[in-house]
């Protein structure tokens, strides 16, 4: 085992790029496992309560759907159509 003058540190020969890649890999692992970690630590529960509080004043509007459907049907009926059989006759 070659001896360097820096001591017994294993990380002494690691370049800055290696350290950056190691930190990026650790951040990627935490980001991938965040849903599971959030459930275990209770962070997910606080976010769920906050979302529920923000949505508490929202309501569903159902009476406009008939007007919308009628408007779509009217617009579709007014679209110009091209009949390929009429082209062949001319």
PDB file of N, CA and C in Angstrom:
ATOM      1  N   UNK A   1       0.844  -1.172   0.000  1.00  0.00           N
ATOM      2  CA  UNK A   1       0.000   0.000   0.000  1.00  0.00           C
ATOM      3  C   UNK A   1       0.885   1.229   0.000  1.00  0.00           C
ATOM      4  N   UNK A   2       0.694   2.071  -1.042  1.00  0.00           N
ATOM      5  CA  UNK A   2       1.548   3.257  -1.089  1.00  0.00           C
ATOM      6  C   UNK A   2       1.187   4.237   0.010  1.00  0.00           C
ATOM      7  N   UNK A   3       2.179   4.846   0.532  1.00  0.00           N
ATOM      8  CA  UNK A   3       1.969   5.776   1.629  1.00  0.00           C
ATOM      9  C   UNK A   3       2.070   7.205   1.113  1.00  0.00           C
ATOM     10  N   UNK A   4       1.050   7.968   1.413  1.00  0.00           N
ATOM     11  CA  UNK A   4       1.109   9.381   1.044  1.00  0.00           C
ATOM     12  C   UNK A   4       1.387  10.185   2.300  1.00  0.00           C
ATOM     13  N   UNK A   5       1.872  11.362   2.150  1.00  0.00           N
ATOM     14  CA  UNK A   5       2.215  12.200   3.276  1.00  0.00           C
ATOM     15  C   UNK A   5       1.003  12.838   3.938  1.00  0.00           C
ATOM     16  N   UNK A   6      -0.199  12.577   3.429  1.00  0.00           N
ATOM     17  CA  UNK A   6      -1.402  13.219   3.951  1.00  0.00           C
ATOM     18  C   UNK A   6      -2.067  12.426   5.063  1.00  0.00           C
ATOM     19  N   UNK A   7      -1.625  11.289   5.391  1.00  0.00           N
ATOM     20  CA  UNK A   7      -2.245  10.505   6.455  1.00  0.00           C
ATOM     21  C   UNK A   7      -3.025   9.334   5.898  1.00  0.00           C
ATOM     22  N   UNK A   8      -3.928   8.786   6.692  1.00  0.00           N
ATOM     23  CA  UNK A   8      -4.669   7.605   6.309  1.00  0.00           C
ATOM     24  C   UNK A   8      -6.041   7.923   5.710  1.00  0.00           C
ATOM     25  N   UNK A   9      -6.231   9.102   5.248  1.00  0.00           N
ATOM     26  CA  UNK A   9      -7.519   9.501   4.712  1.00  0.00           C
ATOM     27  C   UNK A   9      -7.769   8.849   3.356  1.00  0.00           C
ATOM     28  N   UNK A  10      -8.890   8.192   3.227  1.00  0.00           N
ATOM     29  CA  UNK A  10      -9.249   7.552   1.963  1.00  0.00           C
ATOM     30  C   UNK A  10      -9.679   8.610   0.960  1.00  0.00           C
ATOM     31  N   UNK A  11     -10.337   9.661   1.425  1.00  0.00           N
ATOM     32  CA  UNK A  11     -10.837  10.695   0.545  1.00  0.00           C
ATOM     33  C   UNK A  11      -9.758  11.673   0.080  1.00  0.00           C
ATOM     34  N   UNK A  12      -8.557  11.495   0.513  1.00  0.00           N
ATOM     35  CA  UNK A  12      -7.480  12.394   0.126  1.00  0.00           C
ATOM     36  C   UNK A  12      -7.185  12.342  -1.355  1.00  0.00           C
ATOM     37  N   UNK A  13      -7.392  11.202  -2.000  1.00  0.00           N
ATOM     38  CA  UNK A  13      -7.103  11.058  -3.420  1.00  0.00           C
ATOM     39  C   UNK A  13      -8.337  11.275  -4.301  1.00  0.00           C
ATOM     40  N   UNK A  14      -9.492  11.585  -3.703  1.00  0.00           N
ATOM     41  CA  UNK A  14     -10.705  11.782  -4.478  1.00  0.00           C
ATOM     42  C   UNK A  14     -10.736  13.212  -5.016  1.00  0.00           C
ATOM     43  N   UNK A  15     -11.034  13.332  -6.279  1.00  0.00           N
ATOM     44  CA  UNK A  15     -11.066  14.661  -6.899  1.00  0.00           C
ATOM     45  C   UNK A  15     -12.363  15.378  -6.536  1.00  0.00           C
ATOM     46  N   UNK A  16     -12.409  16.632  -6.866  1.00  0.00           N
ATOM     47  CA  UNK A  16     -13.586  17.447  -6.610  1.00  0.00           C
ATOM     48  C   UNK A  16     -14.781  16.918  -7.413  1.00  0.00           C
ATOM     49  N   UNK A  17     -14.546  16.459  -8.617  1.00  0.00           N
ATOM     50  CA  UNK A  17     -15.620  15.904  -9.443  1.00  0.00           C
ATOM     51  C   UNK A  17     -16.215  14.664  -8.782  1.00  0.00           C
ATOM     52  N   UNK A  18     -15.401  13.846  -8.190  1.00  0.00           N
ATOM     53  CA  UNK A  18     -15.888  12.654  -7.491  1.00  0.00           C
ATOM     54  C   UNK A  18     -16.778  13.019  -6.312  1.00  0.00           C
ATOM     55  N   UNK A  19     -16.388  14.038  -5.572  1.00  0.00           N
ATOM     56  CA  UNK A  19     -17.189  14.478  -4.427  1.00  0.00           C
ATOM     57  C   UNK A  19     -18.527  15.043  -4.906  1.00  0.00           C
ATOM     58  N   UNK A  20     -18.503  15.818  -5.987  1.00  0.00           N
ATOM     59  CA  UNK A  20     -19.734  16.386  -6.539  1.00  0.00           C
ATOM     60  C   UNK A  20     -20.659  15.271  -7.012  1.00  0.00           C
ATOM     61  N   UNK A  21     -20.111  14.265  -7.683  1.00  0.00           N
ATOM     62  CA  UNK A  21     -20.925  13.134  -8.139  1.00  0.00           C
ATOM     63  C   UNK A  21     -21.503  12.353  -6.967  1.00  0.00           C
ATOM     64  N   UNK A  22     -20.756  12.198  -5.899  1.00  0.00           N
ATOM     65  CA  UNK A  22     -21.244  11.504  -4.715  1.00  0.00           C
ATOM     66  C   UNK A  22     -22.397  12.270  -4.067  1.00  0.00           C
ATOM     67  N   UNK A  23     -22.275  13.576  -3.957  1.00  0.00           N
ATOM     68  CA  UNK A  23     -23.337  14.404  -3.392  1.00  0.00           C
ATOM     69  C   UNK A  23     -24.573  14.370  -4.291  1.00  0.00           C
ATOM     70  N   UNK A  24     -24.375  14.409  -5.610  1.00  0.00           N
ATOM     71  CA  UNK A  24     -25.505  14.356  -6.541  1.00  0.00           C
ATOM     72  C   UNK A  24     -26.225  13.010  -6.448  1.00  0.00           C
ATOM     73  N   UNK A  25     -25.483  11.929  -6.283  1.00  0.00           N
ATOM     74  CA  UNK A  25     -26.097  10.609  -6.140  1.00  0.00           C
ATOM     75  C   UNK A  25     -26.905  10.524  -4.852  1.00  0.00           C
ATOM     76  N   UNK A  26     -26.389  11.084  -3.782  1.00  0.00           N
ATOM     77  CA  UNK A  26     -27.123  11.076  -2.514  1.00  0.00           C
ATOM     78  C   UNK A  26     -28.398  11.917  -2.629  1.00  0.00           C
ATOM     79  N   UNK A  27     -28.334  13.064  -3.293  1.00  0.00           N
ATOM     80  CA  UNK A  27     -29.518  13.910  -3.484  1.00  0.00           C
ATOM     81  C   UNK A  27     -30.556  13.210  -4.353  1.00  0.00           C
ATOM     82  N   UNK A  28     -30.112  12.496  -5.377  1.00  0.00           N
ATOM     83  CA  UNK A  28     -31.023  11.747  -6.236  1.00  0.00           C
ATOM     84  C   UNK A  28     -31.706  10.625  -5.464  1.00  0.00           C
ATOM     85  N   UNK A  29     -30.978   9.961  -4.601  1.00  0.00           N
ATOM     86  CA  UNK A  29     -31.552   8.890  -3.781  1.00  0.00           C
ATOM     87  C   UNK A  29     -32.608   9.443  -2.824  1.00  0.00           C
ATOM     88  N   UNK A  30     -32.325  10.571  -2.200  1.00  0.00           N
ATOM     89  CA  UNK A  30     -33.294  11.183  -1.287  1.00  0.00           C
ATOM     90  C   UNK A  30     -34.535  11.641  -2.058  1.00  0.00           C
ATOM     91  N   UNK A  31     -34.355  12.204  -3.253  1.00  0.00           N
ATOM     92  CA  UNK A  31     -35.495  12.650  -4.055  1.00  0.00           C
ATOM     93  C   UNK A  31     -36.353  11.474  -4.497  1.00  0.00           C
ATOM     94  N   UNK A  32     -35.725  10.356  -4.826  1.00  0.00           N
ATOM     95  CA  UNK A  32     -36.479   9.181  -5.266  1.00  0.00           C
ATOM     96  C   UNK A  32     -37.254   8.544  -4.120  1.00  0.00           C
ATOM     97  N   UNK A  33     -36.712   8.593  -2.938  1.00  0.00           N
ATOM     98  CA  UNK A  33     -37.348   7.961  -1.788  1.00  0.00           C
ATOM     99  C   UNK A  33     -38.180   8.934  -0.963  1.00  0.00           C
ATOM    100  N   UNK A  34     -38.347  10.173  -1.417  1.00  0.00           N
ATOM    101  CA  UNK A  34     -39.037  11.191  -0.631  1.00  0.00           C
ATOM    102  C   UNK A  34     -40.458  10.815  -0.249  1.00  0.00           C
ATOM    103  N   UNK A  35     -41.286  10.230  -1.145  1.00  0.00           N
ATOM    104  CA  UNK A  35     -42.646   9.870  -0.725  1.00  0.00           C
ATOM    105  C   UNK A  35     -42.655   8.907   0.469  1.00  0.00           C
ATOM    106  N   UNK A  36     -41.776   7.930   0.451  1.00  0.00           N
ATOM    107  CA  UNK A  36     -41.710   6.988   1.572  1.00  0.00           C
ATOM    108  C   UNK A  36     -41.154   7.650   2.823  1.00  0.00           C
ATOM    109  N   UNK A  37     -40.147   8.486   2.650  1.00  0.00           N
ATOM    110  CA  UNK A  37     -39.565   9.170   3.807  1.00  0.00           C
ATOM    111  C   UNK A  37     -40.571  10.148   4.418  1.00  0.00           C
ATOM    112  N   UNK A  38     -41.356  10.817   3.582  1.00  0.00           N
ATOM    113  CA  UNK A  38     -42.345  11.769   4.076  1.00  0.00           C
ATOM    114  C   UNK A  38     -43.410  11.091   4.913  1.00  0.00           C
ATOM    115  N   UNK A  39     -43.837   9.906   4.501  1.00  0.00           N
ATOM    116  CA  UNK A  39     -44.847   9.179   5.273  1.00  0.00           C
ATOM    117  C   UNK A  39     -44.308   8.747   6.628  1.00  0.00           C
ATOM    118  N   UNK A  40     -43.062   8.344   6.653  1.00  0.00           N
ATOM    119  CA  UNK A  40     -42.474   7.868   7.915  1.00  0.00           C
ATOM    120  C   UNK A  40     -42.202   8.991   8.902  1.00  0.00           C
ATOM    121  N   UNK A  41     -41.832  10.153   8.381  1.00  0.00           N
ATOM    122  CA  UNK A  41     -41.459  11.247   9.277  1.00  0.00           C
ATOM    123  C   UNK A  41     -42.625  12.147   9.640  1.00  0.00           C
ATOM    124  N   UNK A  42     -43.759  11.986   8.974  1.00  0.00           N
ATOM    125  CA  UNK A  42     -44.910  12.814   9.277  1.00  0.00           C
ATOM    126  C   UNK A  42     -44.964  14.094   8.477  1.00  0.00           C
ATOM    127  N   UNK A  43     -43.990  14.322   7.603  1.00  0.00           N
ATOM    128  CA  UNK A  43     -44.000  15.526   6.778  1.00  0.00           C
ATOM    129  C   UNK A  43     -45.139  15.479   5.776  1.00  0.00           C
ATOM    130  N   UNK A  44     -45.494  14.291   5.341  1.00  0.00           N
ATOM    131  CA  UNK A  44     -46.582  14.121   4.388  1.00  0.00           C
ATOM    132  C   UNK A  44     -47.920  14.522   5.008  1.00  0.00           C
ATOM    133  N   UNK A  45     -48.098  14.252   6.283  1.00  0.00           N
ATOM    134  CA  UNK A  45     -49.358  14.567   6.967  1.00  0.00           C
ATOM    135  C   UNK A  45     -49.577  16.075   7.056  1.00  0.00           C
ATOM    136  N   UNK A  46     -48.532  16.817   7.323  1.00  0.00           N
ATOM    137  CA  UNK A  46     -48.694  18.268   7.407  1.00  0.00           C
ATOM    138  C   UNK A  46     -49.025  18.855   6.035  1.00  0.00           C
ATOM    139  N   UNK A  47     -48.438  18.321   4.983  1.00  0.00           N
ATOM    140  CA  UNK A  47     -48.755  18.792   3.633  1.00  0.00           C
ATOM    141  C   UNK A  47     -50.200  18.443   3.278  1.00  0.00           C
ATOM    142  N   UNK A  48     -50.673  17.295   3.697  1.00  0.00           N
ATOM    143  CA  UNK A  48     -52.049  16.881   3.428  1.00  0.00           C
ATOM    144  C   UNK A  48     -53.036  17.807   4.150  1.00  0.00           C
ATOM    145  N   UNK A  49     -52.730  18.164   5.406  1.00  0.00           N
ATOM    146  CA  UNK A  49     -53.598  19.084   6.143  1.00  0.00           C
ATOM    147  C   UNK A  49     -53.625  20.459   5.487  1.00  0.00           C
ATOM    148  N   UNK A  50     -52.478  20.931   5.035  1.00  0.00           N
ATOM    149  CA  UNK A  50     -52.396  22.235   4.377  1.00  0.00           C
ATOM    150  C   UNK A  50     -53.210  22.229   3.082  1.00  0.00           C
ATOM    151  N   UNK A  51     -53.117  21.172   2.308  1.00  0.00           N
ATOM    152  CA  UNK A  51     -53.879  21.080   1.062  1.00  0.00           C
ATOM    153  C   UNK A  51     -55.377  21.046   1.344  1.00  0.00           C
ATOM    154  N   UNK A  52     -55.769  20.304   2.370  1.00  0.00           N
ATOM    155  CA  UNK A  52     -57.180  20.219   2.729  1.00  0.00           C
ATOM    156  C   UNK A  52     -57.700  21.591   3.167  1.00  0.00           C
ATOM    157  N   UNK A  53     -56.900  22.345   3.907  1.00  0.00           N
ATOM    158  CA  UNK A  53     -57.297  23.680   4.355  1.00  0.00           C
ATOM    159  C   UNK A  53     -57.462  24.624   3.173  1.00  0.00           C
ATOM    160  N   UNK A  54     -56.550  24.558   2.186  1.00  0.00           N
ATOM    161  CA  UNK A  54     -56.638  25.429   1.020  1.00  0.00           C
ATOM    162  C   UNK A  54     -57.851  25.095   0.164  1.00  0.00           C
ATOM    163  N   UNK A  55     -58.220  23.828   0.084  1.00  0.00           N
ATOM    164  CA  UNK A  55     -59.330  23.420  -0.769  1.00  0.00           C
ATOM    165  C   UNK A  55     -60.676  23.467  -0.074  1.00  0.00           C
ATOM    166  N   UNK A  56     -60.726  23.816   1.179  1.00  0.00           N
ATOM    167  CA  UNK A  56     -61.978  23.767   1.924  1.00  0.00           C
ATOM    168  C   UNK A  56     -63.015  24.754   1.397  1.00  0.00           C
ATOM    169  N   UNK A  57     -62.598  25.853   0.798  1.00  0.00           N
ATOM    170  CA  UNK A  57     -63.546  26.848   0.312  1.00  0.00           C
ATOM    171  C   UNK A  57     -63.968  26.617  -1.145  1.00  0.00           C
ATOM    172  N   UNK A  58     -63.432  25.592  -1.804  1.00  0.00           N
ATOM    173  CA  UNK A  58     -63.793  25.322  -3.191  1.00  0.00           C
ATOM    174  C   UNK A  58     -65.097  24.538  -3.260  1.00  0.00           C
ATOM    175  N   UNK A  59     -65.827  24.728  -4.361  1.00  0.00           N
ATOM    176  CA  UNK A  59     -67.065  23.986  -4.551  1.00  0.00           C
ATOM    177  C   UNK A  59     -67.180  23.562  -6.001  1.00  0.00           C
ATOM    178  N   UNK A  60     -67.979  22.543  -6.271  1.00  0.00           N
ATOM    179  CA  UNK A  60     -68.167  22.023  -7.612  1.00  0.00           C
ATOM    180  C   UNK A  60     -69.376  22.705  -8.236  1.00  0.00           C
ATOM    181  N   UNK A  61     -69.203  23.216  -9.437  1.00  0.00           N
ATOM    182  CA  UNK A  61     -70.286  23.855 -10.167  1.00  0.00           C
ATOM    183  C   UNK A  61     -70.775  22.858 -11.212  1.00  0.00           C
ATOM    184  N   UNK A  62     -72.037  22.460 -11.112  1.00  0.00           N
ATOM    185  CA  UNK A  62     -72.538  21.422 -12.002  1.00  0.00           C
ATOM    186  C   UNK A  62     -73.546  21.921 -13.025  1.00  0.00           C
ATOM    187  N   UNK A  63     -74.172  23.080 -12.852  1.00  0.00           N
ATOM    188  CA  UNK A  63     -75.257  23.500 -13.721  1.00  0.00           C
ATOM    189  C   UNK A  63     -74.781  24.087 -15.042  1.00  0.00           C
ATOM    190  N   UNK A  64     -73.505  24.356 -15.229  1.00  0.00           N
ATOM    191  CA  UNK A  64     -73.009  24.922 -16.471  1.00  0.00           C
ATOM    192  C   UNK A  64     -72.663  23.850 -17.489  1.00  0.00           C
ATOM    193  N   UNK A  65     -72.659  22.592 -17.115  1.00  0.00           N
ATOM    194  CA  UNK A  65     -72.235  21.546 -18.043  1.00  0.00           C
ATOM    195  C   UNK A  65     -73.221  21.380 -19.183  1.00  0.00           C
ATOM    196  N   UNK A  66     -74.527  21.556 -18.947  1.00  0.00           N
ATOM    197  CA  UNK A  66     -75.513  21.439 -20.023  1.00  0.00           C
ATOM    198  C   UNK A  66     -75.320  22.554 -21.051  1.00  0.00           C
ATOM    199  N   UNK A  67     -75.081  23.758 -20.592  1.00  0.00           N
ATOM    200  CA  UNK A  67     -74.841  24.870 -21.510  1.00  0.00           C
ATOM    201  C   UNK A  67     -73.586  24.621 -22.345  1.00  0.00           C
ATOM    202  N   UNK A  68     -72.572  24.107 -21.709  1.00  0.00           N
ATOM    203  CA  UNK A  68     -71.325  23.822 -22.411  1.00  0.00           C
ATOM    204  C   UNK A  68     -71.539  22.746 -23.473  1.00  0.00           C
ATOM    205  N   UNK A  69     -72.250  21.673 -23.127  1.00  0.00           N
ATOM    206  CA  UNK A  69     -72.508  20.594 -24.084  1.00  0.00           C
ATOM    207  C   UNK A  69     -73.313  21.114 -25.271  1.00  0.00           C
ATOM    208  N   UNK A  70     -74.317  21.952 -25.017  1.00  0.00           N
ATOM    209  CA  UNK A  70     -75.104  22.524 -26.103  1.00  0.00           C
ATOM    210  C   UNK A  70     -74.251  23.421 -27.003  1.00  0.00           C
ATOM    211  N   UNK A  71     -73.374  24.184 -26.394  1.00  0.00           N
ATOM    212  CA  UNK A  71     -72.503  25.068 -27.177  1.00  0.00           C
ATOM    213  C   UNK A  71     -71.549  24.262 -28.048  1.00  0.00           C
ATOM    214  N   UNK A  72     -71.023  23.172 -27.526  1.00  0.00           N
ATOM    215  CA  UNK A  72     -70.120  22.323 -28.308  1.00  0.00           C
ATOM    216  C   UNK A  72     -70.878  21.689 -29.468  1.00  0.00           C
ATOM    217  N   UNK A  73     -72.065  21.167 -29.205  1.00  0.00           N
ATOM    218  CA  UNK A  73     -72.865  20.564 -30.275  1.00  0.00           C
ATOM    219  C   UNK A  73     -73.201  21.593 -31.356  1.00  0.00           C
ATOM    220  N   UNK A  74     -73.544  22.806 -30.957  1.00  0.00           N
ATOM    221  CA  UNK A  74     -73.860  23.861 -31.914  1.00  0.00           C
ATOM    222  C   UNK A  74     -72.639  24.200 -32.766  1.00  0.00           C
ATOM    223  N   UNK A  75     -71.467  24.321 -32.121  1.00  0.00           N
ATOM    224  CA  UNK A  75     -70.252  24.647 -32.862  1.00  0.00           C
ATOM    225  C   UNK A  75     -69.874  23.528 -33.829  1.00  0.00           C
ATOM    226  N   UNK A  76     -70.036  22.288 -33.412  1.00  0.00           N
ATOM    227  CA  UNK A  76     -69.724  21.168 -34.298  1.00  0.00           C
ATOM    228  C   UNK A  76     -70.680  21.119 -35.486  1.00  0.00           C
ATOM    229  N   UNK A  77     -71.935  21.435 -35.257  1.00  0.00           N
ATOM    230  CA  UNK A  77     -72.914  21.430 -36.351  1.00  0.00           C
ATOM    231  C   UNK A  77     -72.622  22.546 -37.348  1.00  0.00           C
ATOM    232  N   UNK A  78     -72.018  23.642 -36.925  1.00  0.00           N
ATOM    233  CA  UNK A  78     -71.735  24.772 -37.805  1.00  0.00           C
ATOM    234  C   UNK A  78     -70.394  24.671 -38.521  1.00  0.00           C
ATOM    235  N   UNK A  79     -69.612  23.631 -38.235  1.00  0.00           N
ATOM    236  CA  UNK A  79     -68.320  23.490 -38.900  1.00  0.00           C
ATOM    237  C   UNK A  79     -68.526  23.130 -40.365  1.00  0.00           C
ATOM    238  N   UNK A  80     -67.716  23.707 -41.241  1.00  0.00           N
ATOM    239  CA  UNK A  80     -67.831  23.331 -42.659  1.00  0.00           C
ATOM    240  C   UNK A  80     -67.298  21.905 -42.855  1.00  0.00           C
ATOM    241  N   UNK A  81     -67.959  21.186 -43.741  1.00  0.00           N
ATOM    242  CA  UNK A  81     -67.527  19.810 -44.017  1.00  0.00           C
ATOM    243  C   UNK A  81     -67.137  19.692 -45.479  1.00  0.00           C
ATOM    244  N   UNK A  82     -66.272  18.764 -45.764  1.00  0.00           N
ATOM    245  CA  UNK A  82     -65.824  18.504 -47.124  1.00  0.00           C
ATOM    246  C   UNK A  82     -66.220  17.081 -47.465  1.00  0.00           C
ATOM    247  N   UNK A  83     -67.028  16.939 -48.513  1.00  0.00           N
ATOM    248  CA  UNK A  83     -67.459  15.623 -48.944  1.00  0.00           C
ATOM    249  C   UNK A  83     -66.569  15.204 -50.112  1.00  0.00           C
ATOM    250  N   UNK A  84     -65.792  14.147 -49.969  1.00  0.00           N
ATOM    251  CA  UNK A  84     -64.879  13.752 -51.052  1.00  0.00           C
ATOM    252  C   UNK A  84     -65.627  13.344 -52.322  1.00  0.00           C
ATOM    253  N   UNK A  85     -66.888  12.917 -52.237  1.00  0.00           N
ATOM    254  CA  UNK A  85     -67.644  12.533 -53.416  1.00  0.00           C
ATOM    255  C   UNK A  85     -67.977  13.744 -54.278  1.00  0.00           C
ATOM    256  N   UNK A  86     -68.159  14.911 -53.661  1.00  0.00           N
ATOM    257  CA  UNK A  86     -68.447  16.137 -54.429  1.00  0.00           C
ATOM    258  C   UNK A  86     -67.247  16.560 -55.258  1.00  0.00           C
ATOM    259  N   UNK A  87     -66.043  16.325 -54.798  1.00  0.00           N
ATOM    260  CA  UNK A  87     -64.835  16.670 -55.550  1.00  0.00           C
ATOM    261  C   UNK A  87     -64.740  15.839 -56.833  1.00  0.00           C
ATOM    262  N   UNK A  88     -65.081  14.571 -56.735  1.00  0.00           N
ATOM    263  CA  UNK A  88     -64.976  13.696 -57.896  1.00  0.00           C
ATOM    264  C   UNK A  88     -65.974  14.068 -58.998  1.00  0.00           C
ATOM    265  N   UNK A  89     -67.122  14.624 -58.621  1.00  0.00           N
ATOM    266  CA  UNK A  89     -68.151  14.984 -59.597  1.00  0.00           C
ATOM    267  C   UNK A  89     -67.739  16.183 -60.437  1.00  0.00           C
ATOM    268  N   UNK A  90     -66.948  17.103 -59.845  1.00  0.00           N
ATOM    269  CA  UNK A  90     -66.570  18.326 -60.569  1.00  0.00           C
ATOM    270  C   UNK A  90     -65.420  18.122 -61.459  1.00  0.00           C
TER     271      UNK A  90
END
